[in-house]
Amino acid sequence: MTDYYFFTLTYEAGNYGGYSYGLSAYDQGYEDGLYTGANDAWRGQSYDPERSHFFARATHGYRNTLGQRAIYQQAYRDGFLRGYDEGFRNWQQYFSGGVFHRGP
């Protein structure tokens, strides 16, 4: 397990070679990471975004028409790490009555 995660705080196309679908990959990763991080914290799991199958595969939302899979995965993982961190640290904002809610 990695002790520290470095992730892009905001999407910048230049980080992905100008890849035109990177924002959608980053956003999809963020949403998946937000849920996964909040859910892990709510269940008392340790902070470990790499444990998630979403992070490992990094293909949720990917279609062949979106271009290079490897670039999509890079943008997705950056978004996932950012979302996971937000969800894990602030899980109380996202769970009420045992149900995930997107935000305040």
PDB file of N, CA and C in Angstrom:
ATOM      1  N   MET A   1       0.833  -1.181   0.000  1.00  0.00           N
ATOM      2  CA  MET A   1       0.000   0.000   0.000  1.00  0.00           C
ATOM      3  C   MET A   1       0.879   1.247   0.000  1.00  0.00           C
ATOM      4  N   THR A   2       0.472   2.238  -0.753  1.00  0.00           N
ATOM      5  CA  THR A   2       1.177   3.505  -0.809  1.00  0.00           C
ATOM      6  C   THR A   2       0.743   4.372   0.361  1.00  0.00           C
ATOM      7  N   ASP A   3       1.684   5.013   1.020  1.00  0.00           N
ATOM      8  CA  ASP A   3       1.354   5.846   2.169  1.00  0.00           C
ATOM      9  C   ASP A   3       0.775   7.199   1.770  1.00  0.00           C
ATOM     10  N   TYR A   4       1.229   7.746   0.643  1.00  0.00           N
ATOM     11  CA  TYR A   4       0.779   9.057   0.210  1.00  0.00           C
ATOM     12  C   TYR A   4       0.308   8.970  -1.233  1.00  0.00           C
ATOM     13  N   TYR A   5      -0.759   9.681  -1.504  1.00  0.00           N
ATOM     14  CA  TYR A   5      -1.295   9.712  -2.856  1.00  0.00           C
ATOM     15  C   TYR A   5      -1.196  11.128  -3.379  1.00  0.00           C
ATOM     16  N   PHE A   6      -0.626  11.266  -4.544  1.00  0.00           N
ATOM     17  CA  PHE A   6      -0.538  12.558  -5.196  1.00  0.00           C
ATOM     18  C   PHE A   6      -1.483  12.530  -6.377  1.00  0.00           C
ATOM     19  N   PHE A   7      -2.337  13.493  -6.432  1.00  0.00           N
ATOM     20  CA  PHE A   7      -3.329  13.515  -7.487  1.00  0.00           C
ATOM     21  C   PHE A   7      -3.530  14.938  -7.963  1.00  0.00           C
ATOM     22  N   THR A   8      -4.038  15.074  -9.155  1.00  0.00           N
ATOM     23  CA  THR A   8      -4.310  16.375  -9.737  1.00  0.00           C
ATOM     24  C   THR A   8      -5.564  16.943  -9.097  1.00  0.00           C
ATOM     25  N   LEU A   9      -5.467  18.130  -8.536  1.00  0.00           N
ATOM     26  CA  LEU A   9      -6.610  18.728  -7.863  1.00  0.00           C
ATOM     27  C   LEU A   9      -7.698  19.162  -8.838  1.00  0.00           C
ATOM     28  N   THR A  10      -7.294  19.644  -9.985  1.00  0.00           N
ATOM     29  CA  THR A  10      -8.261  20.022 -11.013  1.00  0.00           C
ATOM     30  C   THR A  10      -7.816  19.423 -12.328  1.00  0.00           C
ATOM     31  N   TYR A  11      -8.770  19.184 -13.182  1.00  0.00           N
ATOM     32  CA  TYR A  11      -8.459  18.611 -14.482  1.00  0.00           C
ATOM     33  C   TYR A  11      -7.761  19.641 -15.357  1.00  0.00           C
ATOM     34  N   GLU A  12      -6.679  19.235 -15.998  1.00  0.00           N
ATOM     35  CA  GLU A  12      -5.991  20.053 -16.993  1.00  0.00           C
ATOM     36  C   GLU A  12      -5.643  19.158 -18.163  1.00  0.00           C
ATOM     37  N   ALA A  13      -6.150  19.497 -19.341  1.00  0.00           N
ATOM     38  CA  ALA A  13      -5.946  18.662 -20.529  1.00  0.00           C
ATOM     39  C   ALA A  13      -4.466  18.407 -20.799  1.00  0.00           C
ATOM     40  N   GLY A  14      -3.618  19.365 -20.468  1.00  0.00           N
ATOM     41  CA  GLY A  14      -2.191  19.202 -20.696  1.00  0.00           C
ATOM     42  C   GLY A  14      -1.581  18.044 -19.934  1.00  0.00           C
ATOM     43  N   ASN A  15      -2.203  17.656 -18.831  1.00  0.00           N
ATOM     44  CA  ASN A  15      -1.704  16.516 -18.062  1.00  0.00           C
ATOM     45  C   ASN A  15      -1.906  15.203 -18.787  1.00  0.00           C
ATOM     46  N   TYR A  16      -2.756  15.212 -19.792  1.00  0.00           N
ATOM     47  CA  TYR A  16      -3.111  13.981 -20.508  1.00  0.00           C
ATOM     48  C   TYR A  16      -2.872  14.141 -22.003  1.00  0.00           C
ATOM     49  N   GLY A  17      -1.893  14.922 -22.352  1.00  0.00           N
ATOM     50  CA  GLY A  17      -1.537  15.101 -23.747  1.00  0.00           C
ATOM     51  C   GLY A  17      -2.629  15.764 -24.570  1.00  0.00           C
ATOM     52  N   GLY A  18      -3.452  16.585 -23.962  1.00  0.00           N
ATOM     53  CA  GLY A  18      -4.539  17.235 -24.672  1.00  0.00           C
ATOM     54  C   GLY A  18      -5.681  16.304 -25.020  1.00  0.00           C
ATOM     55  N   TYR A  19      -5.704  15.151 -24.405  1.00  0.00           N
ATOM     56  CA  TYR A  19      -6.736  14.139 -24.657  1.00  0.00           C
ATOM     57  C   TYR A  19      -8.119  14.750 -24.473  1.00  0.00           C
ATOM     58  N   SER A  20      -8.933  14.734 -25.512  1.00  0.00           N
ATOM     59  CA  SER A  20     -10.196  15.478 -25.508  1.00  0.00           C
ATOM     60  C   SER A  20     -11.269  14.885 -24.601  1.00  0.00           C
ATOM     61  N   TYR A  21     -11.165  13.619 -24.252  1.00  0.00           N
ATOM     62  CA  TYR A  21     -12.174  13.008 -23.389  1.00  0.00           C
ATOM     63  C   TYR A  21     -11.696  12.864 -21.949  1.00  0.00           C
ATOM     64  N   GLY A  22     -10.570  13.470 -21.651  1.00  0.00           N
ATOM     65  CA  GLY A  22     -10.003  13.335 -20.316  1.00  0.00           C
ATOM     66  C   GLY A  22     -10.880  13.889 -19.216  1.00  0.00           C
ATOM     67  N   LEU A  23     -11.592  14.968 -19.488  1.00  0.00           N
ATOM     68  CA  LEU A  23     -12.440  15.542 -18.457  1.00  0.00           C
ATOM     69  C   LEU A  23     -13.534  14.565 -18.066  1.00  0.00           C
ATOM     70  N   SER A  24     -14.138  13.895 -19.028  1.00  0.00           N
ATOM     71  CA  SER A  24     -15.181  12.926 -18.684  1.00  0.00           C
ATOM     72  C   SER A  24     -14.594  11.755 -17.908  1.00  0.00           C
ATOM     73  N   ALA A  25     -13.387  11.340 -18.238  1.00  0.00           N
ATOM     74  CA  ALA A  25     -12.720  10.261 -17.499  1.00  0.00           C
ATOM     75  C   ALA A  25     -12.411  10.711 -16.078  1.00  0.00           C
ATOM     76  N   TYR A  26     -11.895  11.927 -15.944  1.00  0.00           N
ATOM     77  CA  TYR A  26     -11.565  12.473 -14.634  1.00  0.00           C
ATOM     78  C   TYR A  26     -12.820  12.596 -13.781  1.00  0.00           C
ATOM     79  N   ASP A  27     -13.886  13.118 -14.369  1.00  0.00           N
ATOM     80  CA  ASP A  27     -15.147  13.283 -13.641  1.00  0.00           C
ATOM     81  C   ASP A  27     -15.747  11.945 -13.227  1.00  0.00           C
ATOM     82  N   GLN A  28     -15.697  10.958 -14.118  1.00  0.00           N
ATOM     83  CA  GLN A  28     -16.219   9.633 -13.780  1.00  0.00           C
ATOM     84  C   GLN A  28     -15.415   9.028 -12.644  1.00  0.00           C
ATOM     85  N   GLY A  29     -14.100   9.172 -12.711  1.00  0.00           N
ATOM     86  CA  GLY A  29     -13.240   8.676 -11.648  1.00  0.00           C
ATOM     87  C   GLY A  29     -13.514   9.383 -10.334  1.00  0.00           C
ATOM     88  N   TYR A  30     -13.724  10.690 -10.393  1.00  0.00           N
ATOM     89  CA  TYR A  30     -14.022  11.450  -9.180  1.00  0.00           C
ATOM     90  C   TYR A  30     -15.297  10.939  -8.519  1.00  0.00           C
ATOM     91  N   GLU A  31     -16.346  10.767  -9.301  1.00  0.00           N
ATOM     92  CA  GLU A  31     -17.623  10.300  -8.755  1.00  0.00           C
ATOM     93  C   GLU A  31     -17.481   8.905  -8.134  1.00  0.00           C
ATOM     94  N   ASP A  32     -16.790   8.011  -8.828  1.00  0.00           N
ATOM     95  CA  ASP A  32     -16.587   6.658  -8.301  1.00  0.00           C
ATOM     96  C   ASP A  32     -15.724   6.691  -7.042  1.00  0.00           C
ATOM     97  N   GLY A  33     -14.696   7.540  -7.048  1.00  0.00           N
ATOM     98  CA  GLY A  33     -13.825   7.656  -5.888  1.00  0.00           C
ATOM     99  C   GLY A  33     -14.533   8.265  -4.695  1.00  0.00           C
ATOM    100  N   LEU A  34     -15.379   9.253  -4.939  1.00  0.00           N
ATOM    101  CA  LEU A  34     -16.131   9.888  -3.864  1.00  0.00           C
ATOM    102  C   LEU A  34     -16.986   8.860  -3.139  1.00  0.00           C
ATOM    103  N   TYR A  35     -17.721   8.067  -3.903  1.00  0.00           N
ATOM    104  CA  TYR A  35     -18.568   7.036  -3.301  1.00  0.00           C
ATOM    105  C   TYR A  35     -17.721   5.993  -2.575  1.00  0.00           C
ATOM    106  N   THR A  36     -16.674   5.522  -3.222  1.00  0.00           N
ATOM    107  CA  THR A  36     -15.849   4.461  -2.648  1.00  0.00           C
ATOM    108  C   THR A  36     -15.159   4.921  -1.367  1.00  0.00           C
ATOM    109  N   GLY A  37     -14.600   6.128  -1.372  1.00  0.00           N
ATOM    110  CA  GLY A  37     -13.932   6.647  -0.192  1.00  0.00           C
ATOM    111  C   GLY A  37     -14.889   6.854   0.968  1.00  0.00           C
ATOM    112  N   ALA A  38     -16.046   7.446   0.682  1.00  0.00           N
ATOM    113  CA  ALA A  38     -17.039   7.660   1.739  1.00  0.00           C
ATOM    114  C   ALA A  38     -17.543   6.333   2.284  1.00  0.00           C
ATOM    115  N   ASN A  39     -17.758   5.384   1.409  1.00  0.00           N
ATOM    116  CA  ASN A  39     -18.244   4.070   1.816  1.00  0.00           C
ATOM    117  C   ASN A  39     -17.201   3.344   2.669  1.00  0.00           C
ATOM    118  N   ASP A  40     -15.936   3.415   2.265  1.00  0.00           N
ATOM    119  CA  ASP A  40     -14.870   2.784   3.055  1.00  0.00           C
ATOM    120  C   ASP A  40     -14.812   3.378   4.463  1.00  0.00           C
ATOM    121  N   ALA A  41     -14.846   4.696   4.556  1.00  0.00           N
ATOM    122  CA  ALA A  41     -14.782   5.350   5.871  1.00  0.00           C
ATOM    123  C   ALA A  41     -16.019   5.020   6.705  1.00  0.00           C
ATOM    124  N   TRP A  42     -17.174   5.047   6.094  1.00  0.00           N
ATOM    125  CA  TRP A  42     -18.436   4.745   6.794  1.00  0.00           C
ATOM    126  C   TRP A  42     -18.409   3.333   7.375  1.00  0.00           C
ATOM    127  N   ARG A  43     -17.790   2.387   6.637  1.00  0.00           N
ATOM    128  CA  ARG A  43     -17.705   1.001   7.090  1.00  0.00           C
ATOM    129  C   ARG A  43     -16.511   0.750   8.004  1.00  0.00           C
ATOM    130  N   GLY A  44     -15.702   1.774   8.261  1.00  0.00           N
ATOM    131  CA  GLY A  44     -14.554   1.619   9.147  1.00  0.00           C
ATOM    132  C   GLY A  44     -13.346   0.984   8.482  1.00  0.00           C
ATOM    133  N   GLN A  45     -13.297   0.991   7.166  1.00  0.00           N
ATOM    134  CA  GLN A  45     -12.157   0.449   6.425  1.00  0.00           C
ATOM    135  C   GLN A  45     -10.983   1.431   6.498  1.00  0.00           C
ATOM    136  N   SER A  46      -9.806   0.927   6.227  1.00  0.00           N
ATOM    137  CA  SER A  46      -8.633   1.789   6.176  1.00  0.00           C
ATOM    138  C   SER A  46      -8.629   2.594   4.874  1.00  0.00           C
ATOM    139  N   TYR A  47      -7.841   3.668   4.869  1.00  0.00           N
ATOM    140  CA  TYR A  47      -7.682   4.513   3.687  1.00  0.00           C
ATOM    141  C   TYR A  47      -6.823   3.766   2.684  1.00  0.00           C
ATOM    142  N   ASP A  48      -7.437   3.274   1.622  1.00  0.00           N
ATOM    143  CA  ASP A  48      -6.693   2.504   0.626  1.00  0.00           C
ATOM    144  C   ASP A  48      -7.427   2.524  -0.709  1.00  0.00           C
ATOM    145  N   PRO A  49      -7.255   3.572  -1.502  1.00  0.00           N
ATOM    146  CA  PRO A  49      -7.965   3.640  -2.783  1.00  0.00           C
ATOM    147  C   PRO A  49      -7.561   2.537  -3.755  1.00  0.00           C
ATOM    148  N   GLU A  50      -6.351   2.009  -3.626  1.00  0.00           N
ATOM    149  CA  GLU A  50      -5.900   0.953  -4.539  1.00  0.00           C
ATOM    150  C   GLU A  50      -6.636  -0.363  -4.314  1.00  0.00           C
ATOM    151  N   ARG A  51      -7.316  -0.488  -3.196  1.00  0.00           N
ATOM    152  CA  ARG A  51      -8.085  -1.697  -2.903  1.00  0.00           C
ATOM    153  C   ARG A  51      -9.293  -1.825  -3.839  1.00  0.00           C
ATOM    154  N   SER A  52      -9.759  -0.727  -4.353  1.00  0.00           N
ATOM    155  CA  SER A  52     -10.977  -0.694  -5.151  1.00  0.00           C
ATOM    156  C   SER A  52     -10.793  -1.275  -6.553  1.00  0.00           C
ATOM    157  N   HIS A  53     -11.773  -2.053  -6.982  1.00  0.00           N
ATOM    158  CA  HIS A  53     -11.751  -2.554  -8.359  1.00  0.00           C
ATOM    159  C   HIS A  53     -11.924  -1.416  -9.355  1.00  0.00           C
ATOM    160  N   PHE A  54     -12.603  -0.343  -8.954  1.00  0.00           N
ATOM    161  CA  PHE A  54     -12.738   0.822  -9.842  1.00  0.00           C
ATOM    162  C   PHE A  54     -11.358   1.396 -10.159  1.00  0.00           C
ATOM    163  N   PHE A  55     -10.524   1.545  -9.138  1.00  0.00           N
ATOM    164  CA  PHE A  55      -9.179   2.083  -9.333  1.00  0.00           C
ATOM    165  C   PHE A  55      -8.330   1.120 -10.162  1.00  0.00           C
ATOM    166  N   ALA A  56      -8.393  -0.148  -9.840  1.00  0.00           N
ATOM    167  CA  ALA A  56      -7.560  -1.145 -10.527  1.00  0.00           C
ATOM    168  C   ALA A  56      -7.862  -1.199 -12.022  1.00  0.00           C
ATOM    169  N   ARG A  57      -9.130  -1.222 -12.367  1.00  0.00           N
ATOM    170  CA  ARG A  57      -9.518  -1.329 -13.785  1.00  0.00           C
ATOM    171  C   ARG A  57      -9.475   0.028 -14.476  1.00  0.00           C
ATOM    172  N   ALA A  58      -9.992   1.035 -13.809  1.00  0.00           N
ATOM    173  CA  ALA A  58     -10.028   2.412 -14.331  1.00  0.00           C
ATOM    174  C   ALA A  58     -10.659   2.496 -15.710  1.00  0.00           C
ATOM    175  N   THR A  59     -11.699   1.707 -15.930  1.00  0.00           N
ATOM    176  CA  THR A  59     -12.359   1.722 -17.238  1.00  0.00           C
ATOM    177  C   THR A  59     -13.853   2.029 -17.143  1.00  0.00           C
ATOM    178  N   HIS A  60     -14.366   2.338 -15.960  1.00  0.00           N
ATOM    179  CA  HIS A  60     -15.787   2.638 -15.819  1.00  0.00           C
ATOM    180  C   HIS A  60     -16.122   3.863 -16.676  1.00  0.00           C
ATOM    181  N   GLY A  61     -17.051   3.704 -17.586  1.00  0.00           N
ATOM    182  CA  GLY A  61     -17.438   4.769 -18.492  1.00  0.00           C
ATOM    183  C   GLY A  61     -16.654   4.804 -19.792  1.00  0.00           C
ATOM    184  N   TYR A  62     -15.632   3.971 -19.930  1.00  0.00           N
ATOM    185  CA  TYR A  62     -14.812   3.976 -21.145  1.00  0.00           C
ATOM    186  C   TYR A  62     -15.514   3.257 -22.288  1.00  0.00           C
ATOM    187  N   ARG A  63     -15.413   3.843 -23.471  1.00  0.00           N
ATOM    188  CA  ARG A  63     -15.872   3.224 -24.721  1.00  0.00           C
ATOM    189  C   ARG A  63     -14.770   3.399 -25.752  1.00  0.00           C
ATOM    190  N   ASN A  64     -14.690   2.493 -26.697  1.00  0.00           N
ATOM    191  CA  ASN A  64     -13.642   2.560 -27.723  1.00  0.00           C
ATOM    192  C   ASN A  64     -13.641   3.886 -28.466  1.00  0.00           C
ATOM    193  N   THR A  65     -14.795   4.492 -28.603  1.00  0.00           N
ATOM    194  CA  THR A  65     -14.881   5.768 -29.318  1.00  0.00           C
ATOM    195  C   THR A  65     -14.197   6.902 -28.565  1.00  0.00           C
ATOM    196  N   LEU A  66     -13.817   6.669 -27.320  1.00  0.00           N
ATOM    197  CA  LEU A  66     -13.161   7.699 -26.523  1.00  0.00           C
ATOM    198  C   LEU A  66     -11.658   7.762 -26.754  1.00  0.00           C
ATOM    199  N   GLY A  67     -11.140   6.871 -27.570  1.00  0.00           N
ATOM    200  CA  GLY A  67      -9.716   6.928 -27.882  1.00  0.00           C
ATOM    201  C   GLY A  67      -8.878   6.009 -27.019  1.00  0.00           C
ATOM    202  N   GLN A  68      -7.670   6.440 -26.733  1.00  0.00           N
ATOM    203  CA  GLN A  68      -6.680   5.608 -26.066  1.00  0.00           C
ATOM    204  C   GLN A  68      -7.093   5.258 -24.636  1.00  0.00           C
ATOM    205  N   ARG A  69      -7.177   3.980 -24.390  1.00  0.00           N
ATOM    206  CA  ARG A  69      -7.587   3.487 -23.068  1.00  0.00           C
ATOM    207  C   ARG A  69      -6.606   3.908 -21.973  1.00  0.00           C
ATOM    208  N   ALA A  70      -5.313   3.842 -22.255  1.00  0.00           N
ATOM    209  CA  ALA A  70      -4.303   4.162 -21.235  1.00  0.00           C
ATOM    210  C   ALA A  70      -4.423   5.610 -20.759  1.00  0.00           C
ATOM    211  N   ILE A  71      -4.712   6.530 -21.670  1.00  0.00           N
ATOM    212  CA  ILE A  71      -4.862   7.929 -21.275  1.00  0.00           C
ATOM    213  C   ILE A  71      -6.149   8.115 -20.486  1.00  0.00           C
ATOM    214  N   TYR A  72      -7.223   7.456 -20.916  1.00  0.00           N
ATOM    215  CA  TYR A  72      -8.477   7.491 -20.166  1.00  0.00           C
ATOM    216  C   TYR A  72      -8.235   6.999 -18.745  1.00  0.00           C
ATOM    217  N   GLN A  73      -7.504   5.892 -18.613  1.00  0.00           N
ATOM    218  CA  GLN A  73      -7.243   5.318 -17.297  1.00  0.00           C
ATOM    219  C   GLN A  73      -6.440   6.268 -16.416  1.00  0.00           C
ATOM    220  N   GLN A  74      -5.485   6.966 -16.998  1.00  0.00           N
ATOM    221  CA  GLN A  74      -4.682   7.907 -16.223  1.00  0.00           C
ATOM    222  C   GLN A  74      -5.566   9.032 -15.677  1.00  0.00           C
ATOM    223  N   ALA A  75      -6.400   9.610 -16.524  1.00  0.00           N
ATOM    224  CA  ALA A  75      -7.293  10.691 -16.090  1.00  0.00           C
ATOM    225  C   ALA A  75      -8.304  10.163 -15.072  1.00  0.00           C
ATOM    226  N   TYR A  76      -8.842   8.964 -15.317  1.00  0.00           N
ATOM    227  CA  TYR A  76      -9.805   8.355 -14.391  1.00  0.00           C
ATOM    228  C   TYR A  76      -9.182   8.165 -13.011  1.00  0.00           C
ATOM    229  N   ARG A  77      -7.978   7.628 -12.976  1.00  0.00           N
ATOM    230  CA  ARG A  77      -7.316   7.376 -11.684  1.00  0.00           C
ATOM    231  C   ARG A  77      -7.021   8.670 -10.937  1.00  0.00           C
ATOM    232  N   ASP A  78      -6.618   9.719 -11.647  1.00  0.00           N
ATOM    233  CA  ASP A  78      -6.398  11.002 -10.981  1.00  0.00           C
ATOM    234  C   ASP A  78      -7.694  11.490 -10.351  1.00  0.00           C
ATOM    235  N   GLY A  79      -8.777  11.417 -11.104  1.00  0.00           N
ATOM    236  CA  GLY A  79     -10.075  11.816 -10.567  1.00  0.00           C
ATOM    237  C   GLY A  79     -10.509  10.930  -9.414  1.00  0.00           C
ATOM    238  N   PHE A  80     -10.280   9.635  -9.543  1.00  0.00           N
ATOM    239  CA  PHE A  80     -10.655   8.687  -8.496  1.00  0.00           C
ATOM    240  C   PHE A  80      -9.932   9.011  -7.191  1.00  0.00           C
ATOM    241  N   LEU A  81      -8.623   9.244  -7.268  1.00  0.00           N
ATOM    242  CA  LEU A  81      -7.855   9.544  -6.065  1.00  0.00           C
ATOM    243  C   LEU A  81      -8.350  10.820  -5.396  1.00  0.00           C
ATOM    244  N   ARG A  82      -8.652  11.819  -6.186  1.00  0.00           N
ATOM    245  CA  ARG A  82      -9.172  13.068  -5.611  1.00  0.00           C
ATOM    246  C   ARG A  82     -10.527  12.826  -4.952  1.00  0.00           C
ATOM    247  N   GLY A  83     -11.417  12.113  -5.642  1.00  0.00           N
ATOM    248  CA  GLY A  83     -12.736  11.823  -5.089  1.00  0.00           C
ATOM    249  C   GLY A  83     -12.659  10.938  -3.858  1.00  0.00           C
ATOM    250  N   TYR A  84     -11.804   9.936  -3.895  1.00  0.00           N
ATOM    251  CA  TYR A  84     -11.654   9.032  -2.750  1.00  0.00           C
ATOM    252  C   TYR A  84     -11.212   9.817  -1.525  1.00  0.00           C
ATOM    253  N   ASP A  85     -10.223  10.677  -1.709  1.00  0.00           N
ATOM    254  CA  ASP A  85      -9.720  11.468  -0.599  1.00  0.00           C
ATOM    255  C   ASP A  85     -10.830  12.340  -0.008  1.00  0.00           C
ATOM    256  N   GLU A  86     -11.574  13.027  -0.859  1.00  0.00           N
ATOM    257  CA  GLU A  86     -12.686  13.862  -0.404  1.00  0.00           C
ATOM    258  C   GLU A  86     -13.737  13.024   0.327  1.00  0.00           C
ATOM    259  N   GLY A  87     -14.128  11.913  -0.262  1.00  0.00           N
ATOM    260  CA  GLY A  87     -15.152  11.064   0.339  1.00  0.00           C
ATOM    261  C   GLY A  87     -14.720  10.469   1.670  1.00  0.00           C
ATOM    262  N   PHE A  88     -13.491  10.003   1.723  1.00  0.00           N
ATOM    263  CA  PHE A  88     -13.002   9.367   2.946  1.00  0.00           C
ATOM    264  C   PHE A  88     -12.905  10.376   4.087  1.00  0.00           C
ATOM    265  N   ARG A  89     -12.362  11.541   3.781  1.00  0.00           N
ATOM    266  CA  ARG A  89     -12.158  12.549   4.824  1.00  0.00           C
ATOM    267  C   ARG A  89     -13.466  13.188   5.301  1.00  0.00           C
ATOM    268  N   ASN A  90     -14.459  13.223   4.448  1.00  0.00           N
ATOM    269  CA  ASN A  90     -15.711  13.915   4.763  1.00  0.00           C
ATOM    270  C   ASN A  90     -16.924  12.997   4.621  1.00  0.00           C
ATOM    271  N   TRP A  91     -16.763  11.752   4.962  1.00  0.00           N
ATOM    272  CA  TRP A  91     -17.813  10.764   4.725  1.00  0.00           C
ATOM    273  C   TRP A  91     -19.131  11.121   5.402  1.00  0.00           C
ATOM    274  N   GLN A  92     -19.076  11.834   6.516  1.00  0.00           N
ATOM    275  CA  GLN A  92     -20.305  12.186   7.227  1.00  0.00           C
ATOM    276  C   GLN A  92     -21.210  13.071   6.367  1.00  0.00           C
ATOM    277  N   GLN A  93     -20.626  13.841   5.459  1.00  0.00           N
ATOM    278  CA  GLN A  93     -21.405  14.682   4.552  1.00  0.00           C
ATOM    279  C   GLN A  93     -22.177  13.856   3.527  1.00  0.00           C
ATOM    280  N   TYR A  94     -21.670  12.677   3.219  1.00  0.00           N
ATOM    281  CA  TYR A  94     -22.210  11.907   2.106  1.00  0.00           C
ATOM    282  C   TYR A  94     -23.090  10.737   2.523  1.00  0.00           C
ATOM    283  N   PHE A  95     -23.069  10.395   3.802  1.00  0.00           N
ATOM    284  CA  PHE A  95     -23.908   9.299   4.282  1.00  0.00           C
ATOM    285  C   PHE A  95     -24.873   9.802   5.343  1.00  0.00           C
ATOM    286  N   SER A  96     -26.133   9.478   5.158  1.00  0.00           N
ATOM    287  CA  SER A  96     -27.110   9.719   6.218  1.00  0.00           C
ATOM    288  C   SER A  96     -28.081   8.540   6.188  1.00  0.00           C
ATOM    289  N   GLY A  97     -28.320   8.004   7.357  1.00  0.00           N
ATOM    290  CA  GLY A  97     -29.187   6.839   7.450  1.00  0.00           C
ATOM    291  C   GLY A  97     -28.657   5.634   6.708  1.00  0.00           C
ATOM    292  N   GLY A  98     -27.339   5.552   6.551  1.00  0.00           N
ATOM    293  CA  GLY A  98     -26.736   4.426   5.851  1.00  0.00           C
ATOM    294  C   GLY A  98     -26.865   4.490   4.341  1.00  0.00           C
ATOM    295  N   VAL A  99     -27.267   5.655   3.805  1.00  0.00           N
ATOM    296  CA  VAL A  99     -27.456   5.814   2.361  1.00  0.00           C
ATOM    297  C   VAL A  99     -26.544   6.923   1.871  1.00  0.00           C
ATOM    298  N   PHE A 100     -25.869   6.670   0.752  1.00  0.00           N
ATOM    299  CA  PHE A 100     -24.975   7.662   0.148  1.00  0.00           C
ATOM    300  C   PHE A 100     -25.793   8.730  -0.559  1.00  0.00           C
ATOM    301  N   HIS A 101     -25.408   9.977  -0.309  1.00  0.00           N
ATOM    302  CA  HIS A 101     -25.999  11.128  -1.000  1.00  0.00           C
ATOM    303  C   HIS A 101     -24.864  11.947  -1.585  1.00  0.00           C
ATOM    304  N   ARG A 102     -25.013  12.409  -2.777  1.00  0.00           N
ATOM    305  CA  ARG A 102     -23.951  13.070  -3.523  1.00  0.00           C
ATOM    306  C   ARG A 102     -23.351  14.278  -2.821  1.00  0.00           C
ATOM    307  N   GLY A 103     -24.037  14.950  -1.999  1.00  0.00           N
ATOM    308  CA  GLY A 103     -23.411  16.072  -1.324  1.00  0.00           C
ATOM    309  C   GLY A 103     -24.415  16.924  -0.589  1.00  0.00           C
ATOM    310  N   PRO A 104     -23.870  17.901   0.101  1.00  0.00           N
ATOM    311  CA  PRO A 104     -24.717  18.764   0.936  1.00  0.00           C
ATOM    312  C   PRO A 104     -25.633  19.645   0.108  1.00  0.00           C
TER     313      PRO A 104
END
